[in-house]
Amino acid sequence: MKYPKDFINKFVCGNTIDVMKYIPDDSIELIVTSPPYNLKNSTGNGMKDGRGGKWSNAALINGYSHYNDNMPHDEYVKWQRECLKEMLRIIPENGAIFYNHKWRVQAGLLQDRDDIVSNFPVRQIIICRRKGGINFNPGYFLPTYEVIYLIAKPKFKLAKKANAHGDIWEFGQECKNKHPAPFPVELIERIISSTNADIVLDPFMGSGTTALAAKNLDRQFVGIDISPEYCKMAKERLINPVSVVKQKVSTRKESNQATLFDYAEI
């Protein structure tokens, strides 16, 4: 595989670290992504073993296609730090990574992801507040937000007037997407339009929301995902944005150790 001809405006299906190694240093100014949260590695019972409870209707009970979201925590942290290291290599001195993650309470203590992002150049934390939620645990208040770590190199600057947005954002939830953990398109459009980047990389592309947002804003994209089914879903969604509503995705629980698959061209 060669960059850029095998990457720009294409979905590359394979292990994200392996694929990113084909991308040269300092070549993509903006990375926007949300990795799997490792939710099934849990001290609670709902997501951990599928018994349900507050998670009984959650699509994530069935898992991701080609990834079971249940690594030992130390292994998960190591994997995510390796992903961020590759992302940081790819962006130039004026580049940035918008890395979305979820803080959780585990064994009665806050798991704030500092073990993942420590020693990376985190410039700011953006709070993404969602509408609604459920919490049956009397030990803490209902969680209603996730965070985006803005990991930026020294010369990164926002687009003109984008700094007026502030650091607390609220968007509606994506309800009609068959992917188990979709981003709202408006959220990604906010991020991309706040930069001057020509090309946007998403190393965990999923149903293709980042690609769709880039297309809506006349930017180019690179999408990576380990699941051939999600790559197919993303490709179809880019052609027909409502197609993802009808797309059926299997939930085979395979590990994230696959080597490079064939890529899907738009």
C-alpha atoms as a PDB file:
ATOM      1  CA  MET A   1       0.000   0.000   0.000  1.00  0.00           C
ATOM      2  CA  LYS A   2       1.190   3.512  -0.850  1.00  0.00           C
ATOM      3  CA  TYR A   3       0.241   6.859   0.646  1.00  0.00           C
ATOM      4  CA  PRO A   4      -1.592   8.904  -0.580  1.00  0.00           C
ATOM      5  CA  LYS A   5      -3.095   6.974  -3.515  1.00  0.00           C
ATOM      6  CA  ASP A   6      -4.340   4.019  -1.435  1.00  0.00           C
ATOM      7  CA  PHE A   7      -5.612   6.164   1.446  1.00  0.00           C
ATOM      8  CA  ILE A   8      -7.155   9.502   0.479  1.00  0.00           C
ATOM      9  CA  ASN A   9     -10.976   9.344   0.418  1.00  0.00           C
ATOM     10  CA  LYS A  10     -10.883   5.607   1.058  1.00  0.00           C
ATOM     11  CA  PHE A  11     -11.700   3.202   3.864  1.00  0.00           C
ATOM     12  CA  VAL A  12      -8.778   0.967   4.770  1.00  0.00           C
ATOM     13  CA  CYS A  13      -9.836  -2.215   6.525  1.00  0.00           C
ATOM     14  CA  GLY A  14      -7.337  -3.591   9.025  1.00  0.00           C
ATOM     15  CA  ASN A  15      -5.659  -3.262  12.407  1.00  0.00           C
ATOM     16  CA  THR A  16      -5.361   0.484  12.958  1.00  0.00           C
ATOM     17  CA  ILE A  17      -1.757   0.511  14.214  1.00  0.00           C
ATOM     18  CA  ASP A  18      -0.593  -1.651  11.300  1.00  0.00           C
ATOM     19  CA  VAL A  19      -2.391   0.567   8.801  1.00  0.00           C
ATOM     20  CA  MET A  20      -1.142   3.844  10.288  1.00  0.00           C
ATOM     21  CA  LYS A  21       2.449   2.647   9.864  1.00  0.00           C
ATOM     22  CA  TYR A  22       1.945   3.044   6.096  1.00  0.00           C
ATOM     23  CA  ILE A  23       1.190   6.768   6.549  1.00  0.00           C
ATOM     24  CA  PRO A  24       4.297   9.020   6.461  1.00  0.00           C
ATOM     25  CA  ASP A  25       5.338  11.342   9.285  1.00  0.00           C
ATOM     26  CA  ASP A  26       3.736  14.814   9.418  1.00  0.00           C
ATOM     27  CA  SER A  27       1.298  14.048   6.589  1.00  0.00           C
ATOM     28  CA  ILE A  28      -2.235  14.552   8.018  1.00  0.00           C
ATOM     29  CA  GLU A  29      -3.106  17.710   9.948  1.00  0.00           C
ATOM     30  CA  LEU A  30      -6.242  16.506  11.732  1.00  0.00           C
ATOM     31  CA  ILE A  31      -7.207  13.235  13.428  1.00  0.00           C
ATOM     32  CA  VAL A  32     -10.706  12.820  14.884  1.00  0.00           C
ATOM     33  CA  THR A  33     -11.596   9.547  16.536  1.00  0.00           C
ATOM     34  CA  SER A  34     -13.380   7.692  19.305  1.00  0.00           C
ATOM     35  CA  PRO A  35     -11.900   4.277  20.114  1.00  0.00           C
ATOM     36  CA  PRO A  36     -13.829   1.408  21.704  1.00  0.00           C
ATOM     37  CA  TYR A  37     -14.134   2.220  25.412  1.00  0.00           C
ATOM     38  CA  ASN A  38     -13.398  -1.286  26.766  1.00  0.00           C
ATOM     39  CA  LEU A  39     -16.807  -1.226  28.429  1.00  0.00           C
ATOM     40  CA  LYS A  40     -17.094  -4.983  28.871  1.00  0.00           C
ATOM     41  CA  ASN A  41     -14.040  -4.919  31.108  1.00  0.00           C
ATOM     42  CA  SER A  42     -16.201  -3.764  33.980  1.00  0.00           C
ATOM     43  CA  THR A  43     -16.630  -4.130  37.713  1.00  0.00           C
ATOM     44  CA  GLY A  44     -20.405  -3.956  37.198  1.00  0.00           C
ATOM     45  CA  ASN A  45     -22.622  -6.718  35.851  1.00  0.00           C
ATOM     46  CA  GLY A  46     -24.587  -5.206  32.955  1.00  0.00           C
ATOM     47  CA  MET A  47     -21.970  -4.700  30.239  1.00  0.00           C
ATOM     48  CA  LYS A  48     -19.563  -7.257  31.692  1.00  0.00           C
ATOM     49  CA  ASP A  49     -21.582 -10.420  31.202  1.00  0.00           C
ATOM     50  CA  GLY A  50     -24.683  -9.390  29.277  1.00  0.00           C
ATOM     51  CA  ARG A  51     -27.166  -9.969  32.085  1.00  0.00           C
ATOM     52  CA  GLY A  52     -28.720  -6.627  31.219  1.00  0.00           C
ATOM     53  CA  GLY A  53     -29.913  -4.391  33.995  1.00  0.00           C
ATOM     54  CA  LYS A  54     -29.582  -0.797  32.839  1.00  0.00           C
ATOM     55  CA  TRP A  55     -27.775  -2.051  29.695  1.00  0.00           C
ATOM     56  CA  SER A  56     -30.428  -4.576  28.613  1.00  0.00           C
ATOM     57  CA  ASN A  57     -31.394  -2.600  25.500  1.00  0.00           C
ATOM     58  CA  ALA A  58     -27.916  -1.304  24.629  1.00  0.00           C
ATOM     59  CA  ALA A  59     -26.556  -2.290  21.228  1.00  0.00           C
ATOM     60  CA  LEU A  60     -23.120  -2.664  22.813  1.00  0.00           C
ATOM     61  CA  ILE A  61     -24.371  -5.743  24.694  1.00  0.00           C
ATOM     62  CA  ASN A  62     -23.878  -7.565  21.385  1.00  0.00           C
ATOM     63  CA  GLY A  63     -20.383  -6.149  20.980  1.00  0.00           C
ATOM     64  CA  TYR A  64     -18.597  -4.693  17.997  1.00  0.00           C
ATOM     65  CA  SER A  65     -18.031  -6.585  14.796  1.00  0.00           C
ATOM     66  CA  HIS A  66     -14.513  -8.086  14.979  1.00  0.00           C
ATOM     67  CA  TYR A  67     -13.701  -6.698  18.441  1.00  0.00           C
ATOM     68  CA  ASN A  68     -15.039  -7.810  21.829  1.00  0.00           C
ATOM     69  CA  ASP A  69     -14.275  -4.615  23.841  1.00  0.00           C
ATOM     70  CA  ASN A  70     -13.045  -6.618  26.820  1.00  0.00           C
ATOM     71  CA  MET A  71      -9.271  -6.296  27.251  1.00  0.00           C
ATOM     72  CA  PRO A  72      -7.558  -6.441  30.644  1.00  0.00           C
ATOM     73  CA  HIS A  73      -7.268  -2.788  31.608  1.00  0.00           C
ATOM     74  CA  ASP A  74      -3.460  -2.621  31.492  1.00  0.00           C
ATOM     75  CA  GLU A  75      -3.447  -4.137  27.993  1.00  0.00           C
ATOM     76  CA  TYR A  76      -6.122  -1.711  26.852  1.00  0.00           C
ATOM     77  CA  VAL A  77      -4.146   1.280  28.129  1.00  0.00           C
ATOM     78  CA  LYS A  78      -0.983   0.003  26.412  1.00  0.00           C
ATOM     79  CA  TRP A  79      -2.885  -0.474  23.130  1.00  0.00           C
ATOM     80  CA  GLN A  80      -4.433   2.984  23.222  1.00  0.00           C
ATOM     81  CA  ARG A  81      -1.103   4.644  24.036  1.00  0.00           C
ATOM     82  CA  GLU A  82       0.446   2.847  21.051  1.00  0.00           C
ATOM     83  CA  CYS A  83      -2.412   4.151  18.882  1.00  0.00           C
ATOM     84  CA  LEU A  84      -1.879   7.713  20.120  1.00  0.00           C
ATOM     85  CA  LYS A  85       1.866   7.441  19.533  1.00  0.00           C
ATOM     86  CA  GLU A  86       1.227   6.566  15.877  1.00  0.00           C
ATOM     87  CA  MET A  87      -1.330   9.366  15.544  1.00  0.00           C
ATOM     88  CA  LEU A  88       1.124  11.890  16.997  1.00  0.00           C
ATOM     89  CA  ARG A  89       3.776  10.786  14.515  1.00  0.00           C
ATOM     90  CA  ILE A  90       1.388  11.333  11.600  1.00  0.00           C
ATOM     91  CA  ILE A  91       0.376  14.912  12.418  1.00  0.00           C
ATOM     92  CA  PRO A  92       2.744  17.836  11.591  1.00  0.00           C
ATOM     93  CA  GLU A  93       3.753  20.687  13.901  1.00  0.00           C
ATOM     94  CA  ASN A  94       0.442  22.470  13.183  1.00  0.00           C
ATOM     95  CA  GLY A  95      -1.650  19.311  13.594  1.00  0.00           C
ATOM     96  CA  ALA A  96      -4.056  18.073  16.256  1.00  0.00           C
ATOM     97  CA  ILE A  97      -5.843  14.964  17.494  1.00  0.00           C
ATOM     98  CA  PHE A  98      -9.406  15.158  18.837  1.00  0.00           C
ATOM     99  CA  TYR A  99      -9.582  11.987  20.949  1.00  0.00           C
ATOM    100  CA  ASN A 100     -13.020  11.212  22.378  1.00  0.00           C
ATOM    101  CA  HIS A 101     -13.299   8.963  25.422  1.00  0.00           C
ATOM    102  CA  LYS A 102     -15.584   8.199  28.353  1.00  0.00           C
ATOM    103  CA  TRP A 103     -14.820   8.574  32.033  1.00  0.00           C
ATOM    104  CA  ARG A 104     -16.214   5.722  34.150  1.00  0.00           C
ATOM    105  CA  VAL A 105     -16.587   4.706  37.775  1.00  0.00           C
ATOM    106  CA  GLN A 106     -14.915   1.336  38.342  1.00  0.00           C
ATOM    107  CA  ALA A 107     -14.750  -0.386  41.742  1.00  0.00           C
ATOM    108  CA  GLY A 108     -16.025   2.844  43.298  1.00  0.00           C
ATOM    109  CA  LEU A 109     -13.297   5.063  41.808  1.00  0.00           C
ATOM    110  CA  LEU A 110     -13.220   7.403  38.829  1.00  0.00           C
ATOM    111  CA  GLN A 111     -11.421   6.027  35.772  1.00  0.00           C
ATOM    112  CA  ASP A 112     -10.530   9.308  34.060  1.00  0.00           C
ATOM    113  CA  ARG A 113      -8.218   7.988  31.278  1.00  0.00           C
ATOM    114  CA  ASP A 114      -5.208   9.914  32.529  1.00  0.00           C
ATOM    115  CA  ASP A 115      -3.287   6.642  32.303  1.00  0.00           C
ATOM    116  CA  ILE A 116      -3.899   6.746  28.535  1.00  0.00           C
ATOM    117  CA  VAL A 117      -3.230  10.417  27.753  1.00  0.00           C
ATOM    118  CA  SER A 118      -0.514  11.233  30.304  1.00  0.00           C
ATOM    119  CA  ASN A 119       2.690  12.616  28.722  1.00  0.00           C
ATOM    120  CA  PHE A 120       0.880  13.375  25.465  1.00  0.00           C
ATOM    121  CA  PRO A 121       0.489  17.108  24.686  1.00  0.00           C
ATOM    122  CA  VAL A 122      -3.098  17.551  25.903  1.00  0.00           C
ATOM    123  CA  ARG A 123      -3.967  21.206  25.361  1.00  0.00           C
ATOM    124  CA  GLN A 124      -7.622  21.182  26.393  1.00  0.00           C
ATOM    125  CA  ILE A 125     -10.519  18.956  27.438  1.00  0.00           C
ATOM    126  CA  ILE A 126     -13.839  19.533  25.699  1.00  0.00           C
ATOM    127  CA  ILE A 127     -16.957  18.341  27.515  1.00  0.00           C
ATOM    128  CA  CYS A 128     -19.599  16.765  25.276  1.00  0.00           C
ATOM    129  CA  ARG A 129     -22.907  16.745  27.098  1.00  0.00           C
ATOM    130  CA  ARG A 130     -25.594  14.397  25.893  1.00  0.00           C
ATOM    131  CA  LYS A 131     -29.305  14.674  26.511  1.00  0.00           C
ATOM    132  CA  GLY A 132     -30.688  12.074  28.880  1.00  0.00           C
ATOM    133  CA  GLY A 133     -29.221   8.938  30.381  1.00  0.00           C
ATOM    134  CA  ILE A 134     -29.841   6.248  32.985  1.00  0.00           C
ATOM    135  CA  ASN A 135     -28.131   5.421  36.273  1.00  0.00           C
ATOM    136  CA  PHE A 136     -29.258   2.813  38.812  1.00  0.00           C
ATOM    137  CA  ASN A 137     -26.163   3.173  41.010  1.00  0.00           C
ATOM    138  CA  PRO A 138     -26.888   5.127  44.232  1.00  0.00           C
ATOM    139  CA  GLY A 139     -23.165   5.778  44.723  1.00  0.00           C
ATOM    140  CA  TYR A 140     -22.796   8.572  42.179  1.00  0.00           C
ATOM    141  CA  PHE A 141     -24.781  11.062  40.108  1.00  0.00           C
ATOM    142  CA  LEU A 142     -26.081  10.322  36.625  1.00  0.00           C
ATOM    143  CA  PRO A 143     -23.193  10.682  34.114  1.00  0.00           C
ATOM    144  CA  THR A 144     -24.287  12.870  31.194  1.00  0.00           C
ATOM    145  CA  TYR A 145     -21.069  13.694  29.356  1.00  0.00           C
ATOM    146  CA  GLU A 146     -18.026  12.349  27.581  1.00  0.00           C
ATOM    147  CA  VAL A 147     -14.748  14.139  26.952  1.00  0.00           C
ATOM    148  CA  ILE A 148     -12.672  15.028  23.924  1.00  0.00           C
ATOM    149  CA  TYR A 149      -8.963  15.442  24.564  1.00  0.00           C
ATOM    150  CA  LEU A 150      -7.480  18.053  22.247  1.00  0.00           C
ATOM    151  CA  ILE A 151      -3.952  16.706  21.786  1.00  0.00           C
ATOM    152  CA  ALA A 152      -2.091  19.345  19.799  1.00  0.00           C
ATOM    153  CA  LYS A 153       1.379  20.030  18.491  1.00  0.00           C
ATOM    154  CA  PRO A 154       2.909  23.474  19.197  1.00  0.00           C
ATOM    155  CA  LYS A 155       1.848  25.330  16.039  1.00  0.00           C
ATOM    156  CA  PHE A 156      -1.781  24.157  15.977  1.00  0.00           C
ATOM    157  CA  LYS A 157      -4.299  26.974  15.674  1.00  0.00           C
ATOM    158  CA  LEU A 158      -8.083  26.919  15.349  1.00  0.00           C
ATOM    159  CA  ALA A 159      -9.800  28.325  12.280  1.00  0.00           C
ATOM    160  CA  LYS A 160     -10.836  31.966  12.428  1.00  0.00           C
ATOM    161  CA  LYS A 161     -13.542  32.619  15.077  1.00  0.00           C
ATOM    162  CA  ALA A 162     -13.770  28.907  16.036  1.00  0.00           C
ATOM    163  CA  ASN A 163     -12.496  29.665  19.546  1.00  0.00           C
ATOM    164  CA  ALA A 164     -15.884  31.289  20.260  1.00  0.00           C
ATOM    165  CA  HIS A 165     -17.488  27.843  20.607  1.00  0.00           C
ATOM    166  CA  GLY A 166     -16.321  27.386  24.184  1.00  0.00           C
ATOM    167  CA  ASP A 167     -15.367  24.051  25.726  1.00  0.00           C
ATOM    168  CA  ILE A 168     -18.777  22.592  26.646  1.00  0.00           C
ATOM    169  CA  TRP A 169     -20.760  21.222  23.703  1.00  0.00           C
ATOM    170  CA  GLU A 170     -24.204  19.645  23.583  1.00  0.00           C
ATOM    171  CA  PHE A 171     -25.594  17.568  20.747  1.00  0.00           C
ATOM    172  CA  GLY A 172     -28.477  15.161  20.342  1.00  0.00           C
ATOM    173  CA  GLN A 173     -27.762  11.454  20.313  1.00  0.00           C
ATOM    174  CA  GLU A 174     -27.445   9.476  17.080  1.00  0.00           C
ATOM    175  CA  CYS A 175     -30.454   7.150  17.310  1.00  0.00           C
ATOM    176  CA  LYS A 176     -30.906   5.618  13.848  1.00  0.00           C
ATOM    177  CA  ASN A 177     -27.442   4.182  13.285  1.00  0.00           C
ATOM    178  CA  LYS A 178     -26.857   0.420  13.395  1.00  0.00           C
ATOM    179  CA  HIS A 179     -23.300   0.866  14.638  1.00  0.00           C
ATOM    180  CA  PRO A 180     -23.364   0.249  18.433  1.00  0.00           C
ATOM    181  CA  ALA A 181     -21.609   3.511  19.351  1.00  0.00           C
ATOM    182  CA  PRO A 182     -22.091   6.202  16.698  1.00  0.00           C
ATOM    183  CA  PHE A 183     -20.981   9.838  16.805  1.00  0.00           C
ATOM    184  CA  PRO A 184     -23.466  12.620  15.983  1.00  0.00           C
ATOM    185  CA  VAL A 185     -22.504  14.055  12.579  1.00  0.00           C
ATOM    186  CA  GLU A 186     -22.919  17.587  13.931  1.00  0.00           C
ATOM    187  CA  LEU A 187     -20.237  16.967  16.552  1.00  0.00           C
ATOM    188  CA  ILE A 188     -17.659  15.926  13.957  1.00  0.00           C
ATOM    189  CA  GLU A 189     -18.647  18.810  11.688  1.00  0.00           C
ATOM    190  CA  ARG A 190     -18.013  21.186  14.605  1.00  0.00           C
ATOM    191  CA  ILE A 191     -14.520  19.761  15.085  1.00  0.00           C
ATOM    192  CA  ILE A 192     -13.525  19.686  11.412  1.00  0.00           C
ATOM    193  CA  SER A 193     -14.926  23.156  10.645  1.00  0.00           C
ATOM    194  CA  SER A 194     -12.977  24.513  13.624  1.00  0.00           C
ATOM    195  CA  THR A 195      -9.708  23.702  11.831  1.00  0.00           C
ATOM    196  CA  ASN A 196      -8.083  24.519   8.505  1.00  0.00           C
ATOM    197  CA  ALA A 197      -7.110  20.899   7.815  1.00  0.00           C
ATOM    198  CA  ASP A 198      -7.566  19.587   4.277  1.00  0.00           C
ATOM    199  CA  ILE A 199      -7.421  15.878   5.231  1.00  0.00           C
ATOM    200  CA  VAL A 200      -9.035  14.206   8.259  1.00  0.00           C
ATOM    201  CA  LEU A 201      -8.023  10.770   9.557  1.00  0.00           C
ATOM    202  CA  ASP A 202     -10.244   8.574  11.719  1.00  0.00           C
ATOM    203  CA  PRO A 203      -8.359   5.440  12.895  1.00  0.00           C
ATOM    204  CA  PHE A 204     -11.594   3.932  14.318  1.00  0.00           C
ATOM    205  CA  MET A 205     -13.987   4.905  11.516  1.00  0.00           C
ATOM    206  CA  GLY A 206     -16.948   2.691  12.461  1.00  0.00           C
ATOM    207  CA  SER A 207     -20.033   3.646  10.432  1.00  0.00           C
ATOM    208  CA  GLY A 208     -18.193   6.478   8.646  1.00  0.00           C
ATOM    209  CA  THR A 209     -19.419   9.560  10.495  1.00  0.00           C
ATOM    210  CA  THR A 210     -16.063  11.338  10.197  1.00  0.00           C
ATOM    211  CA  ALA A 211     -15.951  10.638   6.460  1.00  0.00           C
ATOM    212  CA  LEU A 212     -19.503  11.932   6.016  1.00  0.00           C
ATOM    213  CA  ALA A 213     -18.739  15.101   7.990  1.00  0.00           C
ATOM    214  CA  ALA A 214     -15.574  15.669   5.944  1.00  0.00           C
ATOM    215  CA  LYS A 215     -17.509  15.239   2.709  1.00  0.00           C
ATOM    216  CA  ASN A 216     -20.191  17.680   3.913  1.00  0.00           C
ATOM    217  CA  LEU A 217     -17.443  20.255   4.527  1.00  0.00           C
ATOM    218  CA  ASP A 218     -15.542  19.641   1.275  1.00  0.00           C
ATOM    219  CA  ARG A 219     -12.580  18.088   3.051  1.00  0.00           C
ATOM    220  CA  GLN A 220     -10.802  14.836   2.265  1.00  0.00           C
ATOM    221  CA  PHE A 221     -10.607  11.885   4.649  1.00  0.00           C
ATOM    222  CA  VAL A 222      -8.849   8.642   5.498  1.00  0.00           C
ATOM    223  CA  GLY A 223     -10.898   6.020   7.349  1.00  0.00           C
ATOM    224  CA  ILE A 224      -9.524   2.936   9.102  1.00  0.00           C
ATOM    225  CA  ASP A 225     -11.507   0.164  10.741  1.00  0.00           C
ATOM    226  CA  ILE A 226     -10.779  -3.472  11.561  1.00  0.00           C
ATOM    227  CA  SER A 227     -14.276  -4.620  10.552  1.00  0.00           C
ATOM    228  CA  PRO A 228     -14.968  -5.305   6.864  1.00  0.00           C
ATOM    229  CA  GLU A 229     -18.663  -4.912   7.681  1.00  0.00           C
ATOM    230  CA  TYR A 230     -18.213  -1.427   9.132  1.00  0.00           C
ATOM    231  CA  CYS A 231     -16.020  -0.447   6.156  1.00  0.00           C
ATOM    232  CA  LYS A 232     -18.806  -1.585   3.841  1.00  0.00           C
ATOM    233  CA  MET A 233     -21.383   0.266   5.956  1.00  0.00           C
ATOM    234  CA  ALA A 234     -19.304   3.453   5.868  1.00  0.00           C
ATOM    235  CA  LYS A 235     -18.830   3.258   2.106  1.00  0.00           C
ATOM    236  CA  GLU A 236     -22.565   2.804   1.529  1.00  0.00           C
ATOM    237  CA  ARG A 237     -23.377   5.579   3.981  1.00  0.00           C
ATOM    238  CA  LEU A 238     -21.136   8.025   2.146  1.00  0.00           C
ATOM    239  CA  ILE A 239     -23.049   7.329  -1.058  1.00  0.00           C
ATOM    240  CA  ASN A 240     -26.441   7.292   0.667  1.00  0.00           C
ATOM    241  CA  PRO A 241     -26.370   8.774   4.219  1.00  0.00           C
ATOM    242  CA  VAL A 242     -29.613   7.041   5.263  1.00  0.00           C
ATOM    243  CA  SER A 243     -28.408   3.592   4.209  1.00  0.00           C
ATOM    244  CA  VAL A 244     -26.861   2.922   7.600  1.00  0.00           C
ATOM    245  CA  VAL A 245     -30.350   2.794   9.127  1.00  0.00           C
ATOM    246  CA  LYS A 246     -31.138  -0.330   7.110  1.00  0.00           C
ATOM    247  CA  GLN A 247     -27.681  -1.907   7.239  1.00  0.00           C
ATOM    248  CA  LYS A 248     -27.503  -5.070   9.344  1.00  0.00           C
ATOM    249  CA  VAL A 249     -24.192  -5.788  11.038  1.00  0.00           C
ATOM    250  CA  SER A 250     -23.161  -9.080  12.608  1.00  0.00           C
ATOM    251  CA  THR A 251     -21.623  -9.142  16.069  1.00  0.00           C
ATOM    252  CA  ARG A 252     -18.904 -11.756  15.752  1.00  0.00           C
ATOM    253  CA  LYS A 253     -16.592 -11.371  18.737  1.00  0.00           C
ATOM    254  CA  GLU A 254     -13.180 -11.625  17.135  1.00  0.00           C
ATOM    255  CA  SER A 255     -10.046 -10.060  18.612  1.00  0.00           C
ATOM    256  CA  ASN A 256      -8.372  -6.919  17.319  1.00  0.00           C
ATOM    257  CA  GLN A 257      -5.267  -8.823  16.201  1.00  0.00           C
ATOM    258  CA  ALA A 258      -6.058  -9.049  12.474  1.00  0.00           C
ATOM    259  CA  THR A 259      -3.436  -8.043   9.950  1.00  0.00           C
ATOM    260  CA  LEU A 260      -4.134  -5.790   6.980  1.00  0.00           C
ATOM    261  CA  PHE A 261      -7.248  -6.648   4.975  1.00  0.00           C
ATOM    262  CA  ASP A 262      -8.125  -5.433   1.499  1.00  0.00           C
ATOM    263  CA  TYR A 263      -9.187  -1.823   1.373  1.00  0.00           C
ATOM    264  CA  ALA A 264     -12.519  -0.536   0.091  1.00  0.00           C
ATOM    265  CA  GLU A 265     -12.374   2.248  -2.451  1.00  0.00           C
ATOM    266  CA  ILE A 266     -15.121   4.889  -2.752  1.00  0.00           C
END
